[in-house]
């Protein structure tokens, strides 16, 4: 009884090498649920890539990664004054986003200073650059987390260049700048403008999930029950809309199945589709991520904790118990029972 993620390992690793070639000096990111693959697995893959640094989301994730990754670990979440202390070795680099946080760190801590970009998430402002204490900490570089979209047509290279120039103007080191969400062509432009600066891209989604064909999620069929039109079933005793079969398959809310992060919609077509899905949901019709014989199946009712019940119309031959169904699920919100190499 498992929800599995199957990895075509050779193809997956070839994609990693292609991304590494496109972004020399990249820093792999392993955080949260490990992009569906697990942070321990990603730490091992990052070690194989030999990048010398792995970025993790939190200090707790850095502590957990110590036994799986031997090189430097960069904590992306900024250090907060008063946070619960963890026993972290010198190879763990902390991110700071406030002058006060930098001052509160123990003597000799290695730090990356996050700058406030047009993301407006966190970071120091340009006026604070001159206030940064230069004694007591080891500067490993500055970091710029950039937005994915730029509807105003602004130039990300110009934004980075302004920050690098501002940092240099107050006498702070610009030897290394960590970047998120910048393309290879933009990095080449920056390298031409600042040949003495090493720009290191922090990449997670594109590195691990960029080749979707190398990863296949599969669920196991646990039960197949014939049902006639009008018969009641499930927790809420809904009536079957037609003759068919109820399929009980692995994957439920504990795995993240049926749970969806909010999406930002662009254009009329995606908005129309969103409205259509919302309209169907009001009459208890919700498409599931599961498929059988090339057909995307409907949830018969909302997912249970560890299984889902699907409705298969009578015109389709049902699977047998033990068969596997592919499902299209968001890896960053899905917890698989196992990851299988093939």
C-alpha atoms as a PDB file:
ATOM      1  CA  UNK A   1       0.000   0.000   0.000  1.00  0.00           C
ATOM      2  CA  UNK A   2       2.275   2.762  -1.257  1.00  0.00           C
ATOM      3  CA  UNK A   3       2.271   6.004  -3.159  1.00  0.00           C
ATOM      4  CA  UNK A   4       5.466   5.795  -5.173  1.00  0.00           C
ATOM      5  CA  UNK A   5       7.680   8.180  -7.067  1.00  0.00           C
ATOM      6  CA  UNK A   6       9.611   6.378  -9.767  1.00  0.00           C
ATOM      7  CA  UNK A   7      12.859   8.016 -10.890  1.00  0.00           C
ATOM      8  CA  UNK A   8      14.507   7.278 -14.229  1.00  0.00           C
ATOM      9  CA  UNK A   9      17.845   7.841 -12.545  1.00  0.00           C
ATOM     10  CA  UNK A  10      20.201   8.108 -15.521  1.00  0.00           C
ATOM     11  CA  UNK A  11      17.923  10.593 -17.293  1.00  0.00           C
ATOM     12  CA  UNK A  12      17.340  12.556 -14.077  1.00  0.00           C
ATOM     13  CA  UNK A  13      21.048  12.878 -13.406  1.00  0.00           C
ATOM     14  CA  UNK A  14      21.764  13.830 -16.996  1.00  0.00           C
ATOM     15  CA  UNK A  15      19.355  16.725 -16.549  1.00  0.00           C
ATOM     16  CA  UNK A  16      21.187  17.768 -13.383  1.00  0.00           C
ATOM     17  CA  UNK A  17      24.473  17.826 -15.285  1.00  0.00           C
ATOM     18  CA  UNK A  18      22.893  19.929 -18.031  1.00  0.00           C
ATOM     19  CA  UNK A  19      21.692  22.488 -15.485  1.00  0.00           C
ATOM     20  CA  UNK A  20      25.113  22.492 -13.812  1.00  0.00           C
ATOM     21  CA  UNK A  21      26.761  23.186 -17.169  1.00  0.00           C
ATOM     22  CA  UNK A  22      24.320  26.037 -17.812  1.00  0.00           C
ATOM     23  CA  UNK A  23      24.848  27.548 -14.360  1.00  0.00           C
ATOM     24  CA  UNK A  24      28.490  27.015 -13.327  1.00  0.00           C
ATOM     25  CA  UNK A  25      28.923  27.360  -9.584  1.00  0.00           C
ATOM     26  CA  UNK A  26      25.255  26.727  -8.852  1.00  0.00           C
ATOM     27  CA  UNK A  27      24.158  25.933  -5.310  1.00  0.00           C
ATOM     28  CA  UNK A  28      21.591  23.096  -5.162  1.00  0.00           C
ATOM     29  CA  UNK A  29      18.607  23.669  -2.876  1.00  0.00           C
ATOM     30  CA  UNK A  30      17.094  20.924  -0.696  1.00  0.00           C
ATOM     31  CA  UNK A  31      14.296  22.067   1.589  1.00  0.00           C
ATOM     32  CA  UNK A  32      10.773  21.334   2.763  1.00  0.00           C
ATOM     33  CA  UNK A  33       9.699  17.896   1.556  1.00  0.00           C
ATOM     34  CA  UNK A  34      12.764  17.643  -0.670  1.00  0.00           C
ATOM     35  CA  UNK A  35      10.738  18.406  -3.803  1.00  0.00           C
ATOM     36  CA  UNK A  36       8.982  15.085  -3.283  1.00  0.00           C
ATOM     37  CA  UNK A  37      12.269  13.156  -3.338  1.00  0.00           C
ATOM     38  CA  UNK A  38      13.308  13.794   0.261  1.00  0.00           C
ATOM     39  CA  UNK A  39      16.071  16.049   1.534  1.00  0.00           C
ATOM     40  CA  UNK A  40      18.357  13.125   2.413  1.00  0.00           C
ATOM     41  CA  UNK A  41      18.251  11.925  -1.192  1.00  0.00           C
ATOM     42  CA  UNK A  42      18.881  15.419  -2.542  1.00  0.00           C
ATOM     43  CA  UNK A  43      21.818  15.926  -0.169  1.00  0.00           C
ATOM     44  CA  UNK A  44      23.386  12.755  -1.561  1.00  0.00           C
ATOM     45  CA  UNK A  45      22.776  13.960  -5.133  1.00  0.00           C
ATOM     46  CA  UNK A  46      24.281  17.372  -4.328  1.00  0.00           C
ATOM     47  CA  UNK A  47      27.340  15.637  -2.908  1.00  0.00           C
ATOM     48  CA  UNK A  48      27.676  13.711  -6.171  1.00  0.00           C
ATOM     49  CA  UNK A  49      27.421  16.962  -8.163  1.00  0.00           C
ATOM     50  CA  UNK A  50      30.390  18.328  -6.219  1.00  0.00           C
ATOM     51  CA  UNK A  51      29.215  21.928  -5.969  1.00  0.00           C
ATOM     52  CA  UNK A  52      30.808  22.441  -2.542  1.00  0.00           C
ATOM     53  CA  UNK A  53      27.663  23.941  -1.024  1.00  0.00           C
ATOM     54  CA  UNK A  54      24.060  22.902  -0.448  1.00  0.00           C
ATOM     55  CA  UNK A  55      21.309  25.375   0.438  1.00  0.00           C
ATOM     56  CA  UNK A  56      18.621  24.296   2.903  1.00  0.00           C
ATOM     57  CA  UNK A  57      15.530  26.082   4.121  1.00  0.00           C
ATOM     58  CA  UNK A  58      15.977  26.204   7.875  1.00  0.00           C
ATOM     59  CA  UNK A  59      18.568  25.747  10.603  1.00  0.00           C
ATOM     60  CA  UNK A  60      16.818  22.519  11.610  1.00  0.00           C
ATOM     61  CA  UNK A  61      17.169  21.232   8.039  1.00  0.00           C
ATOM     62  CA  UNK A  62      20.869  22.129   8.140  1.00  0.00           C
ATOM     63  CA  UNK A  63      21.260  20.163  11.365  1.00  0.00           C
ATOM     64  CA  UNK A  64      19.552  17.149   9.786  1.00  0.00           C
ATOM     65  CA  UNK A  65      21.705  17.405   6.650  1.00  0.00           C
ATOM     66  CA  UNK A  66      25.019  17.303   8.518  1.00  0.00           C
ATOM     67  CA  UNK A  67      25.256  13.511   8.307  1.00  0.00           C
ATOM     68  CA  UNK A  68      24.307  13.420   4.624  1.00  0.00           C
ATOM     69  CA  UNK A  69      26.331  16.299   3.200  1.00  0.00           C
ATOM     70  CA  UNK A  70      30.001  16.914   4.096  1.00  0.00           C
ATOM     71  CA  UNK A  71      30.541  20.383   2.615  1.00  0.00           C
ATOM     72  CA  UNK A  72      29.159  23.842   3.358  1.00  0.00           C
ATOM     73  CA  UNK A  73      25.465  24.252   4.145  1.00  0.00           C
ATOM     74  CA  UNK A  74      23.718  27.568   3.491  1.00  0.00           C
ATOM     75  CA  UNK A  75      20.575  28.256   5.543  1.00  0.00           C
ATOM     76  CA  UNK A  76      18.203  30.303   3.403  1.00  0.00           C
ATOM     77  CA  UNK A  77      15.801  31.441   6.131  1.00  0.00           C
ATOM     78  CA  UNK A  78      17.329  34.529   7.767  1.00  0.00           C
ATOM     79  CA  UNK A  79      18.611  34.260  11.310  1.00  0.00           C
ATOM     80  CA  UNK A  80      16.160  35.666  13.842  1.00  0.00           C
ATOM     81  CA  UNK A  81      17.322  37.203  17.109  1.00  0.00           C
ATOM     82  CA  UNK A  82      16.207  34.892  19.908  1.00  0.00           C
ATOM     83  CA  UNK A  83      15.604  31.818  17.771  1.00  0.00           C
ATOM     84  CA  UNK A  84      16.135  28.425  19.370  1.00  0.00           C
ATOM     85  CA  UNK A  85      19.878  27.735  19.278  1.00  0.00           C
ATOM     86  CA  UNK A  86      21.164  24.626  17.520  1.00  0.00           C
ATOM     87  CA  UNK A  87      24.627  23.143  17.729  1.00  0.00           C
ATOM     88  CA  UNK A  88      25.825  23.861  14.201  1.00  0.00           C
ATOM     89  CA  UNK A  89      29.433  23.542  13.012  1.00  0.00           C
ATOM     90  CA  UNK A  90      31.417  26.246  11.242  1.00  0.00           C
ATOM     91  CA  UNK A  91      30.546  24.820   7.816  1.00  0.00           C
ATOM     92  CA  UNK A  92      26.975  26.064   8.246  1.00  0.00           C
ATOM     93  CA  UNK A  93      26.517  29.541   6.750  1.00  0.00           C
ATOM     94  CA  UNK A  94      23.685  31.670   8.097  1.00  0.00           C
ATOM     95  CA  UNK A  95      21.642  34.181   6.110  1.00  0.00           C
ATOM     96  CA  UNK A  96      20.918  37.527   7.758  1.00  0.00           C
ATOM     97  CA  UNK A  97      18.391  40.123   6.652  1.00  0.00           C
ATOM     98  CA  UNK A  98      18.646  42.725   9.424  1.00  0.00           C
ATOM     99  CA  UNK A  99      21.520  44.661  10.930  1.00  0.00           C
ATOM    100  CA  UNK A 100      20.395  43.667  14.432  1.00  0.00           C
ATOM    101  CA  UNK A 101      20.501  39.985  13.505  1.00  0.00           C
ATOM    102  CA  UNK A 102      24.032  40.316  12.221  1.00  0.00           C
ATOM    103  CA  UNK A 103      25.141  41.915  15.464  1.00  0.00           C
ATOM    104  CA  UNK A 104      23.493  39.181  17.528  1.00  0.00           C
ATOM    105  CA  UNK A 105      25.271  36.270  15.870  1.00  0.00           C
ATOM    106  CA  UNK A 106      28.116  34.530  17.728  1.00  0.00           C
ATOM    107  CA  UNK A 107      31.651  35.698  16.974  1.00  0.00           C
ATOM    108  CA  UNK A 108      33.109  34.133  13.849  1.00  0.00           C
ATOM    109  CA  UNK A 109      29.786  33.092  12.275  1.00  0.00           C
ATOM    110  CA  UNK A 110      29.898  32.796   8.514  1.00  0.00           C
ATOM    111  CA  UNK A 111      27.121  34.858   6.960  1.00  0.00           C
ATOM    112  CA  UNK A 112      25.417  35.716   3.698  1.00  0.00           C
ATOM    113  CA  UNK A 113      23.600  39.058   3.773  1.00  0.00           C
ATOM    114  CA  UNK A 114      20.218  39.049   2.040  1.00  0.00           C
ATOM    115  CA  UNK A 115      19.343  42.300   0.248  1.00  0.00           C
ATOM    116  CA  UNK A 116      15.835  43.708  -0.146  1.00  0.00           C
ATOM    117  CA  UNK A 117      14.943  43.282  -3.810  1.00  0.00           C
ATOM    118  CA  UNK A 118      11.729  44.012  -5.695  1.00  0.00           C
ATOM    119  CA  UNK A 119      10.411  40.759  -4.170  1.00  0.00           C
ATOM    120  CA  UNK A 120       9.841  42.801  -0.994  1.00  0.00           C
ATOM    121  CA  UNK A 121      10.093  39.676   1.155  1.00  0.00           C
ATOM    122  CA  UNK A 122      12.999  40.324   3.481  1.00  0.00           C
ATOM    123  CA  UNK A 123      16.486  41.798   3.358  1.00  0.00           C
ATOM    124  CA  UNK A 124      18.487  44.838   4.326  1.00  0.00           C
ATOM    125  CA  UNK A 125      17.893  48.136   2.561  1.00  0.00           C
ATOM    126  CA  UNK A 126      20.619  50.034   0.748  1.00  0.00           C
ATOM    127  CA  UNK A 127      20.675  52.649   3.485  1.00  0.00           C
ATOM    128  CA  UNK A 128      21.671  49.904   5.937  1.00  0.00           C
ATOM    129  CA  UNK A 129      24.735  48.758   3.982  1.00  0.00           C
ATOM    130  CA  UNK A 130      26.974  51.313   5.682  1.00  0.00           C
ATOM    131  CA  UNK A 131      25.663  50.171   9.099  1.00  0.00           C
ATOM    132  CA  UNK A 132      26.659  46.547   8.680  1.00  0.00           C
ATOM    133  CA  UNK A 133      29.248  45.531  11.282  1.00  0.00           C
ATOM    134  CA  UNK A 134      32.350  44.167   9.590  1.00  0.00           C
ATOM    135  CA  UNK A 135      33.987  42.789  12.736  1.00  0.00           C
ATOM    136  CA  UNK A 136      33.009  39.541  14.411  1.00  0.00           C
ATOM    137  CA  UNK A 137      31.478  37.775  11.411  1.00  0.00           C
ATOM    138  CA  UNK A 138      32.852  36.256   8.232  1.00  0.00           C
ATOM    139  CA  UNK A 139      31.215  37.595   5.076  1.00  0.00           C
ATOM    140  CA  UNK A 140      30.604  34.792   2.575  1.00  0.00           C
ATOM    141  CA  UNK A 141      28.724  37.062   0.190  1.00  0.00           C
ATOM    142  CA  UNK A 142      25.467  38.845  -0.478  1.00  0.00           C
ATOM    143  CA  UNK A 143      22.223  37.331  -1.769  1.00  0.00           C
ATOM    144  CA  UNK A 144      19.472  38.627  -4.047  1.00  0.00           C
ATOM    145  CA  UNK A 145      16.177  36.757  -4.304  1.00  0.00           C
ATOM    146  CA  UNK A 146      14.440  38.030  -7.419  1.00  0.00           C
ATOM    147  CA  UNK A 147      10.811  37.760  -8.589  1.00  0.00           C
ATOM    148  CA  UNK A 148       9.811  35.172 -11.181  1.00  0.00           C
ATOM    149  CA  UNK A 149       7.702  37.545 -13.294  1.00  0.00           C
ATOM    150  CA  UNK A 150       8.270  41.157 -14.268  1.00  0.00           C
ATOM    151  CA  UNK A 151       5.039  42.524 -15.758  1.00  0.00           C
ATOM    152  CA  UNK A 152       6.475  46.042 -15.580  1.00  0.00           C
ATOM    153  CA  UNK A 153       9.246  45.071 -18.005  1.00  0.00           C
ATOM    154  CA  UNK A 154      12.023  45.914 -15.561  1.00  0.00           C
ATOM    155  CA  UNK A 155      15.478  44.427 -16.102  1.00  0.00           C
ATOM    156  CA  UNK A 156      16.678  41.940 -13.446  1.00  0.00           C
ATOM    157  CA  UNK A 157      20.275  42.474 -14.486  1.00  0.00           C
ATOM    158  CA  UNK A 158      19.937  46.189 -13.798  1.00  0.00           C
ATOM    159  CA  UNK A 159      18.512  45.455 -10.352  1.00  0.00           C
ATOM    160  CA  UNK A 160      21.408  43.154  -9.470  1.00  0.00           C
ATOM    161  CA  UNK A 161      23.961  45.561 -10.912  1.00  0.00           C
ATOM    162  CA  UNK A 162      22.635  48.420  -8.792  1.00  0.00           C
ATOM    163  CA  UNK A 163      23.006  46.316  -5.663  1.00  0.00           C
ATOM    164  CA  UNK A 164      26.531  45.147  -6.493  1.00  0.00           C
ATOM    165  CA  UNK A 165      27.595  48.729  -7.157  1.00  0.00           C
ATOM    166  CA  UNK A 166      25.969  49.907  -3.908  1.00  0.00           C
ATOM    167  CA  UNK A 167      27.738  47.202  -1.900  1.00  0.00           C
ATOM    168  CA  UNK A 168      31.099  48.065  -3.426  1.00  0.00           C
ATOM    169  CA  UNK A 169      30.531  51.789  -2.827  1.00  0.00           C
ATOM    170  CA  UNK A 170      30.518  51.298   0.967  1.00  0.00           C
ATOM    171  CA  UNK A 171      33.615  49.114   0.904  1.00  0.00           C
ATOM    172  CA  UNK A 172      31.948  45.751   1.501  1.00  0.00           C
ATOM    173  CA  UNK A 173      33.141  42.631  -0.342  1.00  0.00           C
ATOM    174  CA  UNK A 174      31.507  41.762  -3.664  1.00  0.00           C
ATOM    175  CA  UNK A 175      33.499  38.613  -4.324  1.00  0.00           C
ATOM    176  CA  UNK A 176      30.432  36.348  -4.231  1.00  0.00           C
ATOM    177  CA  UNK A 177      26.787  37.148  -4.884  1.00  0.00           C
ATOM    178  CA  UNK A 178      24.126  34.447  -4.550  1.00  0.00           C
ATOM    179  CA  UNK A 179      21.139  34.770  -6.882  1.00  0.00           C
ATOM    180  CA  UNK A 180      17.730  33.188  -7.221  1.00  0.00           C
ATOM    181  CA  UNK A 181      15.541  33.195 -10.358  1.00  0.00           C
ATOM    182  CA  UNK A 182      17.924  34.619 -12.909  1.00  0.00           C
ATOM    183  CA  UNK A 183      18.492  33.075 -16.337  1.00  0.00           C
ATOM    184  CA  UNK A 184      21.821  31.951 -17.765  1.00  0.00           C
ATOM    185  CA  UNK A 185      21.883  34.759 -20.332  1.00  0.00           C
ATOM    186  CA  UNK A 186      21.367  37.331 -17.576  1.00  0.00           C
ATOM    187  CA  UNK A 187      24.167  35.768 -15.555  1.00  0.00           C
ATOM    188  CA  UNK A 188      26.470  36.099 -18.551  1.00  0.00           C
ATOM    189  CA  UNK A 189      25.607  39.795 -18.792  1.00  0.00           C
ATOM    190  CA  UNK A 190      26.406  40.279 -15.120  1.00  0.00           C
ATOM    191  CA  UNK A 191      29.700  38.422 -15.444  1.00  0.00           C
ATOM    192  CA  UNK A 192      30.666  40.813 -18.209  1.00  0.00           C
ATOM    193  CA  UNK A 193      29.855  43.852 -16.075  1.00  0.00           C
ATOM    194  CA  UNK A 194      31.471  42.530 -12.884  1.00  0.00           C
ATOM    195  CA  UNK A 195      34.311  40.169 -13.848  1.00  0.00           C
ATOM    196  CA  UNK A 196      35.694  40.118 -10.287  1.00  0.00           C
ATOM    197  CA  UNK A 197      32.392  38.875  -8.814  1.00  0.00           C
ATOM    198  CA  UNK A 198      31.342  35.217  -8.721  1.00  0.00           C
ATOM    199  CA  UNK A 199      27.604  34.891  -9.219  1.00  0.00           C
ATOM    200  CA  UNK A 200      26.195  31.641  -7.783  1.00  0.00           C
ATOM    201  CA  UNK A 201      22.640  30.630  -8.646  1.00  0.00           C
ATOM    202  CA  UNK A 202      20.619  28.864  -5.952  1.00  0.00           C
ATOM    203  CA  UNK A 203      18.473  26.358  -7.854  1.00  0.00           C
ATOM    204  CA  UNK A 204      15.969  23.807  -6.583  1.00  0.00           C
ATOM    205  CA  UNK A 205      12.887  23.286  -8.744  1.00  0.00           C
ATOM    206  CA  UNK A 206      14.653  23.463 -12.100  1.00  0.00           C
ATOM    207  CA  UNK A 207      17.487  21.208 -10.932  1.00  0.00           C
ATOM    208  CA  UNK A 208      15.410  18.435  -9.396  1.00  0.00           C
ATOM    209  CA  UNK A 209      12.086  18.708 -11.237  1.00  0.00           C
ATOM    210  CA  UNK A 210      13.050  20.311 -14.551  1.00  0.00           C
ATOM    211  CA  UNK A 211      12.783  17.066 -16.535  1.00  0.00           C
ATOM    212  CA  UNK A 212       9.268  15.968 -15.654  1.00  0.00           C
ATOM    213  CA  UNK A 213       9.549  12.891 -17.848  1.00  0.00           C
ATOM    214  CA  UNK A 214      12.203  11.431 -15.553  1.00  0.00           C
ATOM    215  CA  UNK A 215       9.777  11.324 -12.617  1.00  0.00           C
ATOM    216  CA  UNK A 216       6.560   9.303 -12.486  1.00  0.00           C
ATOM    217  CA  UNK A 217       4.148   9.182  -9.565  1.00  0.00           C
ATOM    218  CA  UNK A 218       2.139   5.978  -9.206  1.00  0.00           C
ATOM    219  CA  UNK A 219      -0.594   4.797  -6.870  1.00  0.00           C
ATOM    220  CA  UNK A 220      -1.647   1.226  -6.097  1.00  0.00           C
ATOM    221  CA  UNK A 221      -5.214   0.029  -6.636  1.00  0.00           C
ATOM    222  CA  UNK A 222      -6.451  -1.434  -3.330  1.00  0.00           C
ATOM    223  CA  UNK A 223     -10.041  -2.283  -4.219  1.00  0.00           C
ATOM    224  CA  UNK A 224     -12.426  -2.250  -7.185  1.00  0.00           C
ATOM    225  CA  UNK A 225     -16.169  -2.211  -6.450  1.00  0.00           C
ATOM    226  CA  UNK A 226     -18.918  -2.200  -9.105  1.00  0.00           C
ATOM    227  CA  UNK A 227     -21.685   0.318  -8.500  1.00  0.00           C
ATOM    228  CA  UNK A 228     -24.989   1.033 -10.258  1.00  0.00           C
ATOM    229  CA  UNK A 229     -26.460   4.406 -11.065  1.00  0.00           C
ATOM    230  CA  UNK A 230     -28.214   5.849  -8.015  1.00  0.00           C
ATOM    231  CA  UNK A 231     -26.537   3.556  -5.461  1.00  0.00           C
ATOM    232  CA  UNK A 232     -25.121   5.343  -2.447  1.00  0.00           C
ATOM    233  CA  UNK A 233     -21.526   5.132  -1.295  1.00  0.00           C
ATOM    234  CA  UNK A 234     -18.855   6.772   0.863  1.00  0.00           C
ATOM    235  CA  UNK A 235     -18.860   8.787   4.046  1.00  0.00           C
ATOM    236  CA  UNK A 236     -21.513  11.188   2.799  1.00  0.00           C
ATOM    237  CA  UNK A 237     -23.577   8.562   0.963  1.00  0.00           C
ATOM    238  CA  UNK A 238     -23.682  10.334  -2.375  1.00  0.00           C
ATOM    239  CA  UNK A 239     -25.496   8.686  -5.275  1.00  0.00           C
ATOM    240  CA  UNK A 240     -23.469   7.268  -8.150  1.00  0.00           C
ATOM    241  CA  UNK A 241     -24.038   9.422 -11.272  1.00  0.00           C
ATOM    242  CA  UNK A 242     -24.037   6.355 -13.548  1.00  0.00           C
ATOM    243  CA  UNK A 243     -23.022   2.722 -13.672  1.00  0.00           C
ATOM    244  CA  UNK A 244     -19.340   2.154 -13.115  1.00  0.00           C
ATOM    245  CA  UNK A 245     -16.736   1.194 -10.546  1.00  0.00           C
ATOM    246  CA  UNK A 246     -15.353   2.718  -7.384  1.00  0.00           C
ATOM    247  CA  UNK A 247     -11.572   2.491  -7.241  1.00  0.00           C
ATOM    248  CA  UNK A 248      -9.853   2.698  -3.878  1.00  0.00           C
ATOM    249  CA  UNK A 249      -6.268   3.813  -4.490  1.00  0.00           C
ATOM    250  CA  UNK A 250      -3.311   4.810  -2.360  1.00  0.00           C
ATOM    251  CA  UNK A 251      -2.750   8.492  -1.719  1.00  0.00           C
ATOM    252  CA  UNK A 252      -4.735  10.771   0.544  1.00  0.00           C
ATOM    253  CA  UNK A 253      -4.528  14.014   2.459  1.00  0.00           C
ATOM    254  CA  UNK A 254      -1.577  12.729   4.505  1.00  0.00           C
ATOM    255  CA  UNK A 255       0.334  12.501   1.223  1.00  0.00           C
ATOM    256  CA  UNK A 256      -0.880  15.886   0.010  1.00  0.00           C
ATOM    257  CA  UNK A 257      -3.299  14.431  -2.545  1.00  0.00           C
ATOM    258  CA  UNK A 258      -6.227  16.753  -3.107  1.00  0.00           C
ATOM    259  CA  UNK A 259      -4.441  19.629  -1.408  1.00  0.00           C
ATOM    260  CA  UNK A 260      -3.503  22.508  -3.663  1.00  0.00           C
ATOM    261  CA  UNK A 261      -1.480  25.666  -3.124  1.00  0.00           C
ATOM    262  CA  UNK A 262      -3.047  28.902  -4.399  1.00  0.00           C
ATOM    263  CA  UNK A 263      -2.145  29.785  -7.970  1.00  0.00           C
ATOM    264  CA  UNK A 264      -1.714  33.175  -9.590  1.00  0.00           C
ATOM    265  CA  UNK A 265      -3.681  33.105 -12.837  1.00  0.00           C
ATOM    266  CA  UNK A 266      -2.596  34.978 -15.982  1.00  0.00           C
ATOM    267  CA  UNK A 267      -4.995  35.610 -18.864  1.00  0.00           C
ATOM    268  CA  UNK A 268      -8.600  34.805 -19.588  1.00  0.00           C
ATOM    269  CA  UNK A 269      -8.250  31.101 -20.438  1.00  0.00           C
ATOM    270  CA  UNK A 270      -6.730  30.058 -17.082  1.00  0.00           C
ATOM    271  CA  UNK A 271      -9.298  32.201 -15.278  1.00  0.00           C
ATOM    272  CA  UNK A 272     -12.129  30.584 -17.244  1.00  0.00           C
ATOM    273  CA  UNK A 273     -10.816  27.130 -16.392  1.00  0.00           C
ATOM    274  CA  UNK A 274     -10.597  28.126 -12.738  1.00  0.00           C
ATOM    275  CA  UNK A 275     -14.196  29.307 -12.772  1.00  0.00           C
ATOM    276  CA  UNK A 276     -15.276  26.053 -14.444  1.00  0.00           C
ATOM    277  CA  UNK A 277     -13.494  23.971 -11.804  1.00  0.00           C
ATOM    278  CA  UNK A 278     -15.064  26.029  -9.031  1.00  0.00           C
ATOM    279  CA  UNK A 279     -18.503  25.596 -10.580  1.00  0.00           C
ATOM    280  CA  UNK A 280     -18.113  21.825 -10.806  1.00  0.00           C
ATOM    281  CA  UNK A 281     -16.905  21.695  -7.182  1.00  0.00           C
ATOM    282  CA  UNK A 282     -20.184  23.266  -6.034  1.00  0.00           C
ATOM    283  CA  UNK A 283     -21.995  20.182  -7.345  1.00  0.00           C
ATOM    284  CA  UNK A 284     -19.404  17.816  -5.826  1.00  0.00           C
ATOM    285  CA  UNK A 285     -17.562  17.147  -9.091  1.00  0.00           C
ATOM    286  CA  UNK A 286     -13.799  17.387  -8.692  1.00  0.00           C
ATOM    287  CA  UNK A 287     -11.202  15.978 -11.053  1.00  0.00           C
ATOM    288  CA  UNK A 288      -8.531  13.905  -9.350  1.00  0.00           C
ATOM    289  CA  UNK A 289      -4.840  13.778 -10.327  1.00  0.00           C
ATOM    290  CA  UNK A 290      -5.207  10.040 -11.091  1.00  0.00           C
ATOM    291  CA  UNK A 291      -5.564   8.556 -14.575  1.00  0.00           C
ATOM    292  CA  UNK A 292      -6.516   5.189 -16.018  1.00  0.00           C
ATOM    293  CA  UNK A 293      -6.345   4.135 -19.676  1.00  0.00           C
ATOM    294  CA  UNK A 294      -5.502   7.713 -20.662  1.00  0.00           C
ATOM    295  CA  UNK A 295      -8.536   9.160 -18.866  1.00  0.00           C
ATOM    296  CA  UNK A 296      -8.319  11.546 -15.927  1.00  0.00           C
ATOM    297  CA  UNK A 297     -10.649  10.281 -13.217  1.00  0.00           C
ATOM    298  CA  UNK A 298     -13.051  12.097 -10.925  1.00  0.00           C
ATOM    299  CA  UNK A 299     -12.903  11.901  -7.163  1.00  0.00           C
ATOM    300  CA  UNK A 300     -15.928   9.944  -5.975  1.00  0.00           C
ATOM    301  CA  UNK A 301     -15.651  11.949  -2.757  1.00  0.00           C
ATOM    302  CA  UNK A 302     -12.950  14.057  -1.095  1.00  0.00           C
ATOM    303  CA  UNK A 303      -9.719  12.153  -0.401  1.00  0.00           C
ATOM    304  CA  UNK A 304      -9.451  10.257   2.873  1.00  0.00           C
ATOM    305  CA  UNK A 305      -6.302  10.448   4.987  1.00  0.00           C
ATOM    306  CA  UNK A 306      -4.327   7.702   3.226  1.00  0.00           C
ATOM    307  CA  UNK A 307      -6.513   6.637   0.305  1.00  0.00           C
ATOM    308  CA  UNK A 308      -8.725   8.178  -2.338  1.00  0.00           C
ATOM    309  CA  UNK A 309     -11.918   6.831  -3.895  1.00  0.00           C
ATOM    310  CA  UNK A 310     -12.308   7.435  -7.622  1.00  0.00           C
ATOM    311  CA  UNK A 311     -15.228   6.925  -9.975  1.00  0.00           C
ATOM    312  CA  UNK A 312     -14.627   4.990 -13.198  1.00  0.00           C
ATOM    313  CA  UNK A 313     -17.523   5.015 -15.709  1.00  0.00           C
ATOM    314  CA  UNK A 314     -18.848   1.704 -16.986  1.00  0.00           C
ATOM    315  CA  UNK A 315     -17.509   2.253 -20.506  1.00  0.00           C
ATOM    316  CA  UNK A 316     -13.933   1.726 -19.270  1.00  0.00           C
ATOM    317  CA  UNK A 317     -12.439  -1.614 -18.296  1.00  0.00           C
ATOM    318  CA  UNK A 318     -11.502  -1.380 -14.613  1.00  0.00           C
ATOM    319  CA  UNK A 319      -8.010  -2.085 -13.292  1.00  0.00           C
ATOM    320  CA  UNK A 320      -7.286  -5.094 -11.121  1.00  0.00           C
ATOM    321  CA  UNK A 321      -6.337  -4.935  -7.474  1.00  0.00           C
ATOM    322  CA  UNK A 322      -2.603  -4.350  -7.336  1.00  0.00           C
ATOM    323  CA  UNK A 323      -2.442  -2.432 -10.623  1.00  0.00           C
ATOM    324  CA  UNK A 324      -0.813   0.983 -10.576  1.00  0.00           C
ATOM    325  CA  UNK A 325      -2.343   4.277 -11.696  1.00  0.00           C
ATOM    326  CA  UNK A 326      -0.231   7.253 -12.742  1.00  0.00           C
ATOM    327  CA  UNK A 327      -1.060  10.540 -11.086  1.00  0.00           C
ATOM    328  CA  UNK A 328      -0.072  14.104 -11.874  1.00  0.00           C
ATOM    329  CA  UNK A 329       0.622  15.744  -8.552  1.00  0.00           C
ATOM    330  CA  UNK A 330       2.649  18.708  -7.382  1.00  0.00           C
ATOM    331  CA  UNK A 331       5.916  17.316  -6.042  1.00  0.00           C
ATOM    332  CA  UNK A 332       6.542  20.136  -3.594  1.00  0.00           C
ATOM    333  CA  UNK A 333       3.297  19.375  -1.744  1.00  0.00           C
ATOM    334  CA  UNK A 334       3.343  15.575  -2.007  1.00  0.00           C
ATOM    335  CA  UNK A 335       4.839  13.135   0.486  1.00  0.00           C
ATOM    336  CA  UNK A 336       5.535   9.843  -1.236  1.00  0.00           C
ATOM    337  CA  UNK A 337       5.786   6.587   0.710  1.00  0.00           C
ATOM    338  CA  UNK A 338       8.800   5.537  -1.321  1.00  0.00           C
ATOM    339  CA  UNK A 339      11.118   6.703  -4.073  1.00  0.00           C
ATOM    340  CA  UNK A 340      12.121   3.983  -6.522  1.00  0.00           C
ATOM    341  CA  UNK A 341      15.059   4.131  -8.947  1.00  0.00           C
ATOM    342  CA  UNK A 342      14.761   2.540 -12.350  1.00  0.00           C
END
